Amino acid sequence: MIGAGTSAAATADQVRTVAPDVPVLRVEAVTKKWRGRDLATLRAVDLVLHDGRIAALAGENGAGKTTLLRILAGLITADSGRVSVDGVSPDTDASGYQRRVSFVPAGQTGLYARLTVDFHLDFCARLMYVPRESRRRVIEAAAERFDLHELRAQRVDRLSMGQRQRVRLALGFLPAPRLILLDEPANSLDTRGNELLAHAIEAHAAGGGSLIWCAPTVDNLPFELDELYSLRAGRLIDR
Protein backbone atom coordinates (compact mmCIF):
# COMPACT_ATOMS: atom_id res chain seq x y z
CA MET A 1 0.00 0.00 0.00
CA ILE A 2 1.31 3.42 -0.94
CA GLY A 3 0.18 6.58 0.77
CA ALA A 4 0.06 7.68 4.37
CA GLY A 5 2.98 5.49 5.27
CA THR A 6 1.26 2.10 5.21
CA SER A 7 -1.84 3.16 7.08
CA ALA A 8 -4.84 5.47 6.77
CA ALA A 9 -4.71 9.07 5.64
CA ALA A 10 -7.11 11.96 6.10
CA THR A 11 -7.81 14.91 3.87
CA ALA A 12 -5.77 18.05 4.39
CA ASP A 13 -8.78 19.79 5.96
CA GLN A 14 -9.11 17.01 8.54
CA VAL A 15 -5.54 17.27 9.79
CA ARG A 16 -4.70 20.94 9.33
CA THR A 17 -5.79 21.93 12.85
CA VAL A 18 -2.46 23.11 14.26
CA ALA A 19 -0.99 26.40 15.34
CA PRO A 20 0.25 28.49 12.37
CA ASP A 21 3.82 28.59 13.73
CA VAL A 22 4.13 24.78 13.85
CA PRO A 23 6.08 23.51 10.80
CA VAL A 24 4.71 20.70 8.67
CA LEU A 25 7.86 18.64 9.33
CA ARG A 26 10.37 18.90 12.13
CA VAL A 27 13.35 16.53 12.36
CA GLU A 28 15.59 16.86 15.39
CA ALA A 29 18.96 15.11 15.81
CA VAL A 30 17.85 11.89 14.07
CA THR A 31 20.51 9.18 14.16
CA LYS A 32 20.36 5.67 12.70
CA LYS A 33 23.04 2.98 12.71
CA TRP A 34 22.41 -0.39 11.15
CA ARG A 35 23.72 -3.49 12.89
CA GLY A 36 26.99 -4.72 11.45
CA ARG A 37 28.06 -1.33 10.11
CA ASP A 38 30.92 0.65 11.59
CA LEU A 39 29.47 4.08 10.86
CA ALA A 40 26.01 5.48 11.42
CA THR A 41 23.90 5.88 8.27
CA LEU A 42 22.34 9.06 9.69
CA ARG A 43 24.13 11.30 12.17
CA ALA A 44 22.18 13.96 14.08
CA VAL A 45 20.03 14.99 11.11
CA ASP A 46 18.01 18.20 11.58
CA LEU A 47 15.38 19.48 9.15
CA VAL A 48 12.44 21.87 9.27
CA LEU A 49 9.91 22.15 6.44
CA HIS A 50 7.06 24.66 6.51
CA ASP A 51 3.70 24.85 4.74
CA GLY A 52 3.86 24.88 0.96
CA ARG A 53 7.57 24.14 0.76
CA ILE A 54 9.18 21.77 -1.74
CA ALA A 55 12.51 20.24 -0.76
CA ALA A 56 14.89 17.98 -2.64
CA LEU A 57 17.27 15.49 -1.07
CA ALA A 58 20.27 14.35 -3.11
CA GLY A 59 23.11 11.98 -2.36
CA GLU A 60 25.01 9.00 -3.69
CA ASN A 61 23.53 5.52 -3.57
CA GLY A 62 23.88 4.19 -0.04
CA ALA A 63 24.10 7.66 1.48
CA GLY A 64 21.03 7.04 3.65
CA LYS A 65 18.36 8.91 1.68
CA THR A 66 15.83 6.08 1.70
CA THR A 67 16.57 5.32 5.35
CA LEU A 68 15.71 8.92 6.20
CA LEU A 69 12.51 8.81 4.14
CA ARG A 70 11.42 5.58 5.82
CA ILE A 71 11.94 7.20 9.22
CA LEU A 72 9.95 10.25 8.11
CA ALA A 73 7.20 7.94 6.83
CA GLY A 74 6.99 6.22 10.22
CA LEU A 75 7.99 2.85 8.77
CA ILE A 76 11.13 2.46 10.88
CA THR A 77 12.34 4.19 14.01
CA ALA A 78 15.49 6.20 14.56
CA ASP A 79 17.99 5.15 17.21
CA SER A 80 17.74 8.63 18.67
CA GLY A 81 16.18 11.96 17.83
CA ARG A 82 12.63 13.03 17.12
CA VAL A 83 10.36 13.46 14.10
CA SER A 84 7.00 15.24 14.01
CA VAL A 85 4.47 16.36 11.40
CA ASP A 86 2.16 19.19 12.44
CA GLY A 87 3.54 18.64 15.92
CA VAL A 88 2.40 14.98 15.94
CA SER A 89 5.05 12.35 16.68
CA PRO A 90 4.90 8.73 15.46
CA ASP A 91 6.12 7.65 18.90
CA THR A 92 3.06 9.01 20.70
CA ASP A 93 0.37 8.97 18.01
CA ALA A 94 1.30 6.58 15.20
CA SER A 95 -2.09 6.64 13.45
CA GLY A 96 -2.35 10.41 13.71
CA TYR A 97 1.14 10.76 12.28
CA GLN A 98 0.51 8.41 9.36
CA ARG A 99 -2.72 10.22 8.50
CA ARG A 100 -0.53 13.20 7.67
CA VAL A 101 2.20 11.49 5.64
CA SER A 102 2.32 9.73 2.28
CA PHE A 103 5.35 7.82 0.98
CA VAL A 104 5.92 6.63 -2.58
CA PRO A 105 9.01 4.37 -2.46
CA ALA A 106 11.33 3.77 -5.36
CA GLY A 107 10.61 0.84 -7.65
CA GLN A 108 7.32 -0.75 -8.69
CA THR A 109 6.03 -2.04 -5.35
CA GLY A 110 2.62 -1.48 -3.79
CA LEU A 111 0.37 -2.57 -6.67
CA TYR A 112 -1.69 -5.75 -7.12
CA ALA A 113 -0.89 -7.15 -10.57
CA ARG A 114 -4.24 -8.66 -11.52
CA LEU A 115 -6.42 -5.84 -10.20
CA THR A 116 -7.50 -2.80 -12.17
CA VAL A 117 -6.36 0.77 -11.82
CA ASP A 118 -9.87 1.74 -10.72
CA PHE A 119 -9.79 -0.91 -8.00
CA HIS A 120 -6.53 0.53 -6.67
CA LEU A 121 -7.94 4.06 -6.58
CA ASP A 122 -11.12 2.97 -4.81
CA PHE A 123 -9.32 0.63 -2.41
CA CYS A 124 -6.80 3.32 -1.53
CA ALA A 125 -9.54 5.89 -0.90
CA ARG A 126 -11.42 3.47 1.36
CA LEU A 127 -8.28 2.47 3.24
CA MET A 128 -7.50 6.13 3.79
CA TYR A 129 -10.97 6.75 5.21
CA VAL A 130 -12.00 9.21 2.53
CA PRO A 131 -15.63 10.05 3.42
CA ARG A 132 -18.17 8.18 1.32
CA GLU A 133 -19.78 11.39 0.08
CA SER A 134 -16.49 12.75 -1.32
CA ARG A 135 -14.82 9.47 -2.34
CA ARG A 136 -15.84 9.56 -5.99
CA ARG A 137 -14.74 13.18 -6.33
CA VAL A 138 -11.35 12.41 -4.79
CA ILE A 139 -10.85 9.38 -7.06
CA GLU A 140 -11.79 11.36 -10.17
CA ALA A 141 -9.36 14.11 -9.19
CA ALA A 142 -6.53 11.61 -8.72
CA ALA A 143 -7.23 9.99 -12.09
CA GLU A 144 -7.34 13.39 -13.77
CA ARG A 145 -4.16 14.55 -12.06
CA PHE A 146 -2.12 11.69 -13.53
CA ASP A 147 -4.10 11.15 -16.75
CA LEU A 148 -5.39 7.69 -15.82
CA HIS A 149 -8.92 7.81 -17.22
CA GLU A 150 -8.21 5.60 -20.25
CA LEU A 151 -6.34 3.12 -18.04
CA ARG A 152 -8.82 2.74 -15.21
CA ALA A 153 -10.42 -0.49 -16.47
CA GLN A 154 -7.08 -2.16 -17.20
CA ARG A 155 -5.23 -4.60 -14.97
CA VAL A 156 -2.01 -3.25 -13.55
CA ASP A 157 0.08 -6.10 -14.97
CA ARG A 158 -0.97 -5.01 -18.47
CA LEU A 159 0.36 -1.49 -18.07
CA SER A 160 3.79 -0.22 -19.04
CA MET A 161 6.24 0.60 -16.25
CA GLY A 162 5.68 4.31 -16.81
CA GLN A 163 1.90 3.88 -16.57
CA ARG A 164 2.29 1.88 -13.36
CA GLN A 165 4.42 4.65 -11.92
CA ARG A 166 1.67 7.14 -12.65
CA VAL A 167 -0.77 4.90 -10.77
CA ARG A 168 1.61 4.71 -7.80
CA LEU A 169 1.99 8.48 -7.78
CA ALA A 170 -1.77 8.99 -7.98
CA LEU A 171 -2.18 6.85 -4.88
CA GLY A 172 0.56 8.75 -3.11
CA PHE A 173 -1.12 12.11 -3.73
CA LEU A 174 -4.57 10.78 -2.76
CA PRO A 175 -6.08 12.40 -0.75
CA ALA A 176 -3.71 15.39 -0.26
CA PRO A 177 -1.74 14.49 2.89
CA ARG A 178 0.26 17.20 4.63
CA LEU A 179 3.66 15.73 3.73
CA ILE A 180 4.47 13.70 0.61
CA LEU A 181 7.74 11.77 0.37
CA LEU A 182 8.86 10.74 -3.12
CA ASP A 183 11.81 8.37 -3.59
CA GLU A 184 13.14 8.61 -7.17
CA PRO A 185 9.65 9.35 -8.50
CA ALA A 186 10.69 10.15 -12.08
CA ASN A 187 11.93 6.61 -12.76
CA SER A 188 10.17 5.14 -15.83
CA LEU A 189 8.23 8.34 -16.54
CA ASP A 190 8.18 9.80 -20.02
CA THR A 191 7.96 13.52 -20.81
CA ARG A 192 4.19 13.61 -20.28
CA GLY A 193 4.48 11.72 -17.00
CA ASN A 194 7.07 14.17 -15.72
CA GLU A 195 4.85 17.09 -16.68
CA LEU A 196 1.91 15.59 -14.80
CA LEU A 197 4.07 14.97 -11.73
CA ALA A 198 5.43 18.53 -11.78
CA HIS A 199 1.93 19.97 -11.96
CA ALA A 200 0.77 17.74 -9.10
CA ILE A 201 3.70 18.85 -6.95
CA GLU A 202 3.06 22.52 -7.64
CA ALA A 203 -0.65 22.12 -6.84
CA HIS A 204 0.16 20.28 -3.61
CA ALA A 205 2.46 23.09 -2.48
CA ALA A 206 -0.03 25.77 -3.54
CA GLY A 207 -2.58 24.10 -1.28
CA GLY A 208 -0.26 24.34 1.72
CA GLY A 209 1.16 20.82 1.62
CA SER A 210 4.88 20.09 1.73
CA LEU A 211 6.95 17.58 -0.20
CA ILE A 212 10.40 15.98 -0.29
CA TRP A 213 11.80 14.74 -3.61
CA CYS A 214 14.63 12.25 -3.18
CA ALA A 215 17.05 11.13 -5.91
CA PRO A 216 20.81 10.69 -6.43
CA THR A 217 20.87 13.93 -8.43
CA VAL A 218 18.27 16.68 -8.57
CA ASP A 219 19.44 18.79 -11.51
CA ASN A 220 16.99 20.32 -14.01
CA LEU A 221 13.83 19.52 -12.09
CA PRO A 222 10.67 20.80 -13.89
CA PHE A 223 9.52 22.83 -10.86
CA GLU A 224 11.00 25.34 -8.46
CA LEU A 225 12.63 24.12 -5.25
CA ASP A 226 12.43 25.94 -1.94
CA GLU A 227 15.08 23.84 -0.20
CA LEU A 228 17.95 21.70 -1.45
CA TYR A 229 19.87 19.24 0.72
CA SER A 230 22.33 16.43 0.29
CA LEU A 231 23.34 13.56 2.55
CA ARG A 232 27.07 13.06 3.00
CA ALA A 233 28.70 10.81 5.56
CA GLY A 234 25.40 10.57 7.40
CA ARG A 235 24.91 14.32 7.75
CA LEU A 236 22.37 16.55 6.06
CA ILE A 237 23.99 19.46 4.25
CA ASP A 238 22.07 22.55 3.12
CA ARG A 239 23.07 23.29 -0.48
C-alpha atoms as a PDB file:
ATOM      1  CA  MET A   1       0.000   0.000   0.000  1.00  0.00           C
ATOM      2  CA  ILE A   2       1.311   3.423  -0.941  1.00  0.00           C
ATOM      3  CA  GLY A   3       0.180   6.581   0.767  1.00  0.00           C
ATOM      4  CA  ALA A   4       0.056   7.685   4.374  1.00  0.00           C
ATOM      5  CA  GLY A   5       2.982   5.489   5.275  1.00  0.00           C
ATOM      6  CA  THR A   6       1.260   2.104   5.214  1.00  0.00           C
ATOM      7  CA  SER A   7      -1.841   3.163   7.075  1.00  0.00           C
ATOM      8  CA  ALA A   8      -4.842   5.467   6.770  1.00  0.00           C
ATOM      9  CA  ALA A   9      -4.714   9.072   5.643  1.00  0.00           C
ATOM     10  CA  ALA A  10      -7.108  11.956   6.096  1.00  0.00           C
ATOM     11  CA  THR A  11      -7.806  14.908   3.873  1.00  0.00           C
ATOM     12  CA  ALA A  12      -5.769  18.046   4.392  1.00  0.00           C
ATOM     13  CA  ASP A  13      -8.782  19.786   5.960  1.00  0.00           C
ATOM     14  CA  GLN A  14      -9.115  17.010   8.537  1.00  0.00           C
ATOM     15  CA  VAL A  15      -5.540  17.267   9.790  1.00  0.00           C
ATOM     16  CA  ARG A  16      -4.695  20.943   9.330  1.00  0.00           C
ATOM     17  CA  THR A  17      -5.788  21.927  12.847  1.00  0.00           C
ATOM     18  CA  VAL A  18      -2.461  23.112  14.255  1.00  0.00           C
ATOM     19  CA  ALA A  19      -0.990  26.403  15.338  1.00  0.00           C
ATOM     20  CA  PRO A  20       0.253  28.488  12.371  1.00  0.00           C
ATOM     21  CA  ASP A  21       3.821  28.587  13.732  1.00  0.00           C
ATOM     22  CA  VAL A  22       4.129  24.783  13.847  1.00  0.00           C
ATOM     23  CA  PRO A  23       6.076  23.507  10.798  1.00  0.00           C
ATOM     24  CA  VAL A  24       4.713  20.698   8.674  1.00  0.00           C
ATOM     25  CA  LEU A  25       7.858  18.643   9.334  1.00  0.00           C
ATOM     26  CA  ARG A  26      10.373  18.897  12.133  1.00  0.00           C
ATOM     27  CA  VAL A  27      13.350  16.527  12.358  1.00  0.00           C
ATOM     28  CA  GLU A  28      15.593  16.856  15.392  1.00  0.00           C
ATOM     29  CA  ALA A  29      18.961  15.111  15.805  1.00  0.00           C
ATOM     30  CA  VAL A  30      17.848  11.894  14.072  1.00  0.00           C
ATOM     31  CA  THR A  31      20.509   9.183  14.160  1.00  0.00           C
ATOM     32  CA  LYS A  32      20.361   5.672  12.699  1.00  0.00           C
ATOM     33  CA  LYS A  33      23.037   2.979  12.713  1.00  0.00           C
ATOM     34  CA  TRP A  34      22.415  -0.394  11.147  1.00  0.00           C
ATOM     35  CA  ARG A  35      23.723  -3.487  12.893  1.00  0.00           C
ATOM     36  CA  GLY A  36      26.989  -4.717  11.451  1.00  0.00           C
ATOM     37  CA  ARG A  37      28.063  -1.330  10.106  1.00  0.00           C
ATOM     38  CA  ASP A  38      30.917   0.650  11.591  1.00  0.00           C
ATOM     39  CA  LEU A  39      29.472   4.081  10.861  1.00  0.00           C
ATOM     40  CA  ALA A  40      26.006   5.485  11.418  1.00  0.00           C
ATOM     41  CA  THR A  41      23.903   5.881   8.273  1.00  0.00           C
ATOM     42  CA  LEU A  42      22.335   9.058   9.689  1.00  0.00           C
ATOM     43  CA  ARG A  43      24.131  11.300  12.168  1.00  0.00           C
ATOM     44  CA  ALA A  44      22.177  13.958  14.082  1.00  0.00           C
ATOM     45  CA  VAL A  45      20.031  14.992  11.112  1.00  0.00           C
ATOM     46  CA  ASP A  46      18.012  18.195  11.583  1.00  0.00           C
ATOM     47  CA  LEU A  47      15.382  19.478   9.154  1.00  0.00           C
ATOM     48  CA  VAL A  48      12.440  21.868   9.274  1.00  0.00           C
ATOM     49  CA  LEU A  49       9.909  22.150   6.442  1.00  0.00           C
ATOM     50  CA  HIS A  50       7.056  24.657   6.507  1.00  0.00           C
ATOM     51  CA  ASP A  51       3.697  24.853   4.735  1.00  0.00           C
ATOM     52  CA  GLY A  52       3.856  24.884   0.961  1.00  0.00           C
ATOM     53  CA  ARG A  53       7.573  24.143   0.763  1.00  0.00           C
ATOM     54  CA  ILE A  54       9.175  21.772  -1.742  1.00  0.00           C
ATOM     55  CA  ALA A  55      12.513  20.242  -0.761  1.00  0.00           C
ATOM     56  CA  ALA A  56      14.891  17.976  -2.642  1.00  0.00           C
ATOM     57  CA  LEU A  57      17.266  15.489  -1.068  1.00  0.00           C
ATOM     58  CA  ALA A  58      20.267  14.347  -3.112  1.00  0.00           C
ATOM     59  CA  GLY A  59      23.108  11.982  -2.358  1.00  0.00           C
ATOM     60  CA  GLU A  60      25.012   9.001  -3.686  1.00  0.00           C
ATOM     61  CA  ASN A  61      23.532   5.521  -3.568  1.00  0.00           C
ATOM     62  CA  GLY A  62      23.879   4.188  -0.037  1.00  0.00           C
ATOM     63  CA  ALA A  63      24.101   7.661   1.478  1.00  0.00           C
ATOM     64  CA  GLY A  64      21.030   7.043   3.645  1.00  0.00           C
ATOM     65  CA  LYS A  65      18.363   8.908   1.683  1.00  0.00           C
ATOM     66  CA  THR A  66      15.831   6.078   1.698  1.00  0.00           C
ATOM     67  CA  THR A  67      16.569   5.323   5.353  1.00  0.00           C
ATOM     68  CA  LEU A  68      15.710   8.924   6.201  1.00  0.00           C
ATOM     69  CA  LEU A  69      12.508   8.810   4.140  1.00  0.00           C
ATOM     70  CA  ARG A  70      11.419   5.584   5.823  1.00  0.00           C
ATOM     71  CA  ILE A  71      11.941   7.197   9.220  1.00  0.00           C
ATOM     72  CA  LEU A  72       9.955  10.248   8.110  1.00  0.00           C
ATOM     73  CA  ALA A  73       7.202   7.935   6.831  1.00  0.00           C
ATOM     74  CA  GLY A  74       6.987   6.219  10.224  1.00  0.00           C
ATOM     75  CA  LEU A  75       7.988   2.848   8.775  1.00  0.00           C
ATOM     76  CA  ILE A  76      11.134   2.460  10.880  1.00  0.00           C
ATOM     77  CA  THR A  77      12.340   4.194  14.014  1.00  0.00           C
ATOM     78  CA  ALA A  78      15.489   6.200  14.563  1.00  0.00           C
ATOM     79  CA  ASP A  79      17.990   5.151  17.211  1.00  0.00           C
ATOM     80  CA  SER A  80      17.737   8.629  18.673  1.00  0.00           C
ATOM     81  CA  GLY A  81      16.184  11.962  17.833  1.00  0.00           C
ATOM     82  CA  ARG A  82      12.630  13.031  17.117  1.00  0.00           C
ATOM     83  CA  VAL A  83      10.360  13.465  14.097  1.00  0.00           C
ATOM     84  CA  SER A  84       7.001  15.238  14.010  1.00  0.00           C
ATOM     85  CA  VAL A  85       4.470  16.364  11.402  1.00  0.00           C
ATOM     86  CA  ASP A  86       2.157  19.193  12.439  1.00  0.00           C
ATOM     87  CA  GLY A  87       3.542  18.639  15.923  1.00  0.00           C
ATOM     88  CA  VAL A  88       2.403  14.983  15.939  1.00  0.00           C
ATOM     89  CA  SER A  89       5.046  12.346  16.684  1.00  0.00           C
ATOM     90  CA  PRO A  90       4.902   8.726  15.457  1.00  0.00           C
ATOM     91  CA  ASP A  91       6.124   7.651  18.899  1.00  0.00           C
ATOM     92  CA  THR A  92       3.064   9.014  20.704  1.00  0.00           C
ATOM     93  CA  ASP A  93       0.373   8.967  18.010  1.00  0.00           C
ATOM     94  CA  ALA A  94       1.299   6.577  15.201  1.00  0.00           C
ATOM     95  CA  SER A  95      -2.091   6.636  13.452  1.00  0.00           C
ATOM     96  CA  GLY A  96      -2.354  10.415  13.708  1.00  0.00           C
ATOM     97  CA  TYR A  97       1.135  10.756  12.284  1.00  0.00           C
ATOM     98  CA  GLN A  98       0.507   8.411   9.363  1.00  0.00           C
ATOM     99  CA  ARG A  99      -2.724  10.225   8.502  1.00  0.00           C
ATOM    100  CA  ARG A 100      -0.528  13.200   7.668  1.00  0.00           C
ATOM    101  CA  VAL A 101       2.205  11.490   5.641  1.00  0.00           C
ATOM    102  CA  SER A 102       2.319   9.727   2.276  1.00  0.00           C
ATOM    103  CA  PHE A 103       5.352   7.824   0.980  1.00  0.00           C
ATOM    104  CA  VAL A 104       5.921   6.629  -2.578  1.00  0.00           C
ATOM    105  CA  PRO A 105       9.009   4.370  -2.455  1.00  0.00           C
ATOM    106  CA  ALA A 106      11.328   3.770  -5.361  1.00  0.00           C
ATOM    107  CA  GLY A 107      10.607   0.837  -7.653  1.00  0.00           C
ATOM    108  CA  GLN A 108       7.316  -0.746  -8.686  1.00  0.00           C
ATOM    109  CA  THR A 109       6.033  -2.037  -5.347  1.00  0.00           C
ATOM    110  CA  GLY A 110       2.617  -1.480  -3.795  1.00  0.00           C
ATOM    111  CA  LEU A 111       0.372  -2.569  -6.667  1.00  0.00           C
ATOM    112  CA  TYR A 112      -1.689  -5.748  -7.120  1.00  0.00           C
ATOM    113  CA  ALA A 113      -0.887  -7.148 -10.566  1.00  0.00           C
ATOM    114  CA  ARG A 114      -4.245  -8.655 -11.520  1.00  0.00           C
ATOM    115  CA  LEU A 115      -6.422  -5.841 -10.202  1.00  0.00           C
ATOM    116  CA  THR A 116      -7.503  -2.796 -12.167  1.00  0.00           C
ATOM    117  CA  VAL A 117      -6.361   0.772 -11.823  1.00  0.00           C
ATOM    118  CA  ASP A 118      -9.873   1.735 -10.716  1.00  0.00           C
ATOM    119  CA  PHE A 119      -9.788  -0.908  -8.000  1.00  0.00           C
ATOM    120  CA  HIS A 120      -6.529   0.534  -6.673  1.00  0.00           C
ATOM    121  CA  LEU A 121      -7.938   4.065  -6.581  1.00  0.00           C
ATOM    122  CA  ASP A 122     -11.123   2.971  -4.814  1.00  0.00           C
ATOM    123  CA  PHE A 123      -9.321   0.628  -2.414  1.00  0.00           C
ATOM    124  CA  CYS A 124      -6.804   3.320  -1.527  1.00  0.00           C
ATOM    125  CA  ALA A 125      -9.544   5.887  -0.901  1.00  0.00           C
ATOM    126  CA  ARG A 126     -11.423   3.472   1.361  1.00  0.00           C
ATOM    127  CA  LEU A 127      -8.284   2.465   3.245  1.00  0.00           C
ATOM    128  CA  MET A 128      -7.498   6.131   3.787  1.00  0.00           C
ATOM    129  CA  TYR A 129     -10.975   6.749   5.206  1.00  0.00           C
ATOM    130  CA  VAL A 130     -11.995   9.215   2.531  1.00  0.00           C
ATOM    131  CA  PRO A 131     -15.631  10.049   3.425  1.00  0.00           C
ATOM    132  CA  ARG A 132     -18.169   8.182   1.321  1.00  0.00           C
ATOM    133  CA  GLU A 133     -19.781  11.392   0.079  1.00  0.00           C
ATOM    134  CA  SER A 134     -16.491  12.748  -1.324  1.00  0.00           C
ATOM    135  CA  ARG A 135     -14.824   9.465  -2.339  1.00  0.00           C
ATOM    136  CA  ARG A 136     -15.838   9.556  -5.989  1.00  0.00           C
ATOM    137  CA  ARG A 137     -14.739  13.177  -6.329  1.00  0.00           C
ATOM    138  CA  VAL A 138     -11.346  12.411  -4.789  1.00  0.00           C
ATOM    139  CA  ILE A 139     -10.847   9.382  -7.061  1.00  0.00           C
ATOM    140  CA  GLU A 140     -11.790  11.359 -10.166  1.00  0.00           C
ATOM    141  CA  ALA A 141      -9.361  14.115  -9.193  1.00  0.00           C
ATOM    142  CA  ALA A 142      -6.525  11.612  -8.719  1.00  0.00           C
ATOM    143  CA  ALA A 143      -7.233   9.990 -12.086  1.00  0.00           C
ATOM    144  CA  GLU A 144      -7.336  13.387 -13.765  1.00  0.00           C
ATOM    145  CA  ARG A 145      -4.155  14.546 -12.057  1.00  0.00           C
ATOM    146  CA  PHE A 146      -2.121  11.689 -13.530  1.00  0.00           C
ATOM    147  CA  ASP A 147      -4.096  11.148 -16.755  1.00  0.00           C
ATOM    148  CA  LEU A 148      -5.389   7.690 -15.816  1.00  0.00           C
ATOM    149  CA  HIS A 149      -8.919   7.805 -17.219  1.00  0.00           C
ATOM    150  CA  GLU A 150      -8.208   5.601 -20.251  1.00  0.00           C
ATOM    151  CA  LEU A 151      -6.343   3.124 -18.044  1.00  0.00           C
ATOM    152  CA  ARG A 152      -8.825   2.735 -15.209  1.00  0.00           C
ATOM    153  CA  ALA A 153     -10.417  -0.493 -16.474  1.00  0.00           C
ATOM    154  CA  GLN A 154      -7.083  -2.160 -17.200  1.00  0.00           C
ATOM    155  CA  ARG A 155      -5.233  -4.596 -14.966  1.00  0.00           C
ATOM    156  CA  VAL A 156      -2.009  -3.246 -13.549  1.00  0.00           C
ATOM    157  CA  ASP A 157       0.076  -6.096 -14.972  1.00  0.00           C
ATOM    158  CA  ARG A 158      -0.967  -5.014 -18.470  1.00  0.00           C
ATOM    159  CA  LEU A 159       0.363  -1.489 -18.068  1.00  0.00           C
ATOM    160  CA  SER A 160       3.787  -0.224 -19.036  1.00  0.00           C
ATOM    161  CA  MET A 161       6.238   0.597 -16.252  1.00  0.00           C
ATOM    162  CA  GLY A 162       5.679   4.307 -16.806  1.00  0.00           C
ATOM    163  CA  GLN A 163       1.902   3.884 -16.567  1.00  0.00           C
ATOM    164  CA  ARG A 164       2.289   1.875 -13.363  1.00  0.00           C
ATOM    165  CA  GLN A 165       4.422   4.646 -11.922  1.00  0.00           C
ATOM    166  CA  ARG A 166       1.666   7.141 -12.649  1.00  0.00           C
ATOM    167  CA  VAL A 167      -0.770   4.900 -10.768  1.00  0.00           C
ATOM    168  CA  ARG A 168       1.610   4.707  -7.799  1.00  0.00           C
ATOM    169  CA  LEU A 169       1.986   8.476  -7.783  1.00  0.00           C
ATOM    170  CA  ALA A 170      -1.771   8.987  -7.984  1.00  0.00           C
ATOM    171  CA  LEU A 171      -2.183   6.845  -4.880  1.00  0.00           C
ATOM    172  CA  GLY A 172       0.565   8.754  -3.114  1.00  0.00           C
ATOM    173  CA  PHE A 173      -1.122  12.108  -3.730  1.00  0.00           C
ATOM    174  CA  LEU A 174      -4.569  10.776  -2.762  1.00  0.00           C
ATOM    175  CA  PRO A 175      -6.076  12.396  -0.749  1.00  0.00           C
ATOM    176  CA  ALA A 176      -3.713  15.390  -0.259  1.00  0.00           C
ATOM    177  CA  PRO A 177      -1.739  14.490   2.891  1.00  0.00           C
ATOM    178  CA  ARG A 178       0.262  17.197   4.627  1.00  0.00           C
ATOM    179  CA  LEU A 179       3.662  15.728   3.728  1.00  0.00           C
ATOM    180  CA  ILE A 180       4.467  13.700   0.609  1.00  0.00           C
ATOM    181  CA  LEU A 181       7.740  11.769   0.369  1.00  0.00           C
ATOM    182  CA  LEU A 182       8.863  10.739  -3.120  1.00  0.00           C
ATOM    183  CA  ASP A 183      11.807   8.374  -3.590  1.00  0.00           C
ATOM    184  CA  GLU A 184      13.145   8.605  -7.170  1.00  0.00           C
ATOM    185  CA  PRO A 185       9.648   9.350  -8.502  1.00  0.00           C
ATOM    186  CA  ALA A 186      10.691  10.148 -12.082  1.00  0.00           C
ATOM    187  CA  ASN A 187      11.927   6.613 -12.758  1.00  0.00           C
ATOM    188  CA  SER A 188      10.170   5.143 -15.829  1.00  0.00           C
ATOM    189  CA  LEU A 189       8.230   8.343 -16.537  1.00  0.00           C
ATOM    190  CA  ASP A 190       8.177   9.795 -20.025  1.00  0.00           C
ATOM    191  CA  THR A 191       7.962  13.517 -20.807  1.00  0.00           C
ATOM    192  CA  ARG A 192       4.186  13.612 -20.283  1.00  0.00           C
ATOM    193  CA  GLY A 193       4.475  11.718 -16.999  1.00  0.00           C
ATOM    194  CA  ASN A 194       7.074  14.168 -15.721  1.00  0.00           C
ATOM    195  CA  GLU A 195       4.854  17.090 -16.682  1.00  0.00           C
ATOM    196  CA  LEU A 196       1.913  15.588 -14.798  1.00  0.00           C
ATOM    197  CA  LEU A 197       4.067  14.972 -11.734  1.00  0.00           C
ATOM    198  CA  ALA A 198       5.434  18.530 -11.783  1.00  0.00           C
ATOM    199  CA  HIS A 199       1.927  19.967 -11.958  1.00  0.00           C
ATOM    200  CA  ALA A 200       0.769  17.735  -9.100  1.00  0.00           C
ATOM    201  CA  ILE A 201       3.701  18.845  -6.946  1.00  0.00           C
ATOM    202  CA  GLU A 202       3.061  22.515  -7.637  1.00  0.00           C
ATOM    203  CA  ALA A 203      -0.647  22.122  -6.844  1.00  0.00           C
ATOM    204  CA  HIS A 204       0.159  20.282  -3.609  1.00  0.00           C
ATOM    205  CA  ALA A 205       2.459  23.087  -2.480  1.00  0.00           C
ATOM    206  CA  ALA A 206      -0.028  25.766  -3.536  1.00  0.00           C
ATOM    207  CA  GLY A 207      -2.584  24.096  -1.281  1.00  0.00           C
ATOM    208  CA  GLY A 208      -0.257  24.344   1.717  1.00  0.00           C
ATOM    209  CA  GLY A 209       1.160  20.820   1.619  1.00  0.00           C
ATOM    210  CA  SER A 210       4.875  20.091   1.734  1.00  0.00           C
ATOM    211  CA  LEU A 211       6.952  17.579  -0.195  1.00  0.00           C
ATOM    212  CA  ILE A 212      10.398  15.978  -0.287  1.00  0.00           C
ATOM    213  CA  TRP A 213      11.799  14.737  -3.606  1.00  0.00           C
ATOM    214  CA  CYS A 214      14.633  12.247  -3.181  1.00  0.00           C
ATOM    215  CA  ALA A 215      17.053  11.132  -5.909  1.00  0.00           C
ATOM    216  CA  PRO A 216      20.809  10.691  -6.429  1.00  0.00           C
ATOM    217  CA  THR A 217      20.872  13.930  -8.426  1.00  0.00           C
ATOM    218  CA  VAL A 218      18.271  16.681  -8.574  1.00  0.00           C
ATOM    219  CA  ASP A 219      19.439  18.794 -11.507  1.00  0.00           C
ATOM    220  CA  ASN A 220      16.991  20.322 -14.012  1.00  0.00           C
ATOM    221  CA  LEU A 221      13.826  19.524 -12.089  1.00  0.00           C
ATOM    222  CA  PRO A 222      10.672  20.799 -13.889  1.00  0.00           C
ATOM    223  CA  PHE A 223       9.517  22.829 -10.864  1.00  0.00           C
ATOM    224  CA  GLU A 224      11.000  25.339  -8.455  1.00  0.00           C
ATOM    225  CA  LEU A 225      12.633  24.123  -5.246  1.00  0.00           C
ATOM    226  CA  ASP A 226      12.434  25.941  -1.942  1.00  0.00           C
ATOM    227  CA  GLU A 227      15.083  23.837  -0.199  1.00  0.00           C
ATOM    228  CA  LEU A 228      17.953  21.698  -1.455  1.00  0.00           C
ATOM    229  CA  TYR A 229      19.869  19.243   0.723  1.00  0.00           C
ATOM    230  CA  SER A 230      22.327  16.434   0.291  1.00  0.00           C
ATOM    231  CA  LEU A 231      23.341  13.565   2.552  1.00  0.00           C
ATOM    232  CA  ARG A 232      27.070  13.063   2.996  1.00  0.00           C
ATOM    233  CA  ALA A 233      28.705  10.813   5.561  1.00  0.00           C
ATOM    234  CA  GLY A 234      25.400  10.571   7.398  1.00  0.00           C
ATOM    235  CA  ARG A 235      24.913  14.321   7.751  1.00  0.00           C
ATOM    236  CA  LEU A 236      22.374  16.549   6.064  1.00  0.00           C
ATOM    237  CA  ILE A 237      23.990  19.464   4.252  1.00  0.00           C
ATOM    238  CA  ASP A 238      22.072  22.547   3.124  1.00  0.00           C
ATOM    239  CA  ARG A 239      23.075  23.292  -0.476  1.00  0.00           C
END
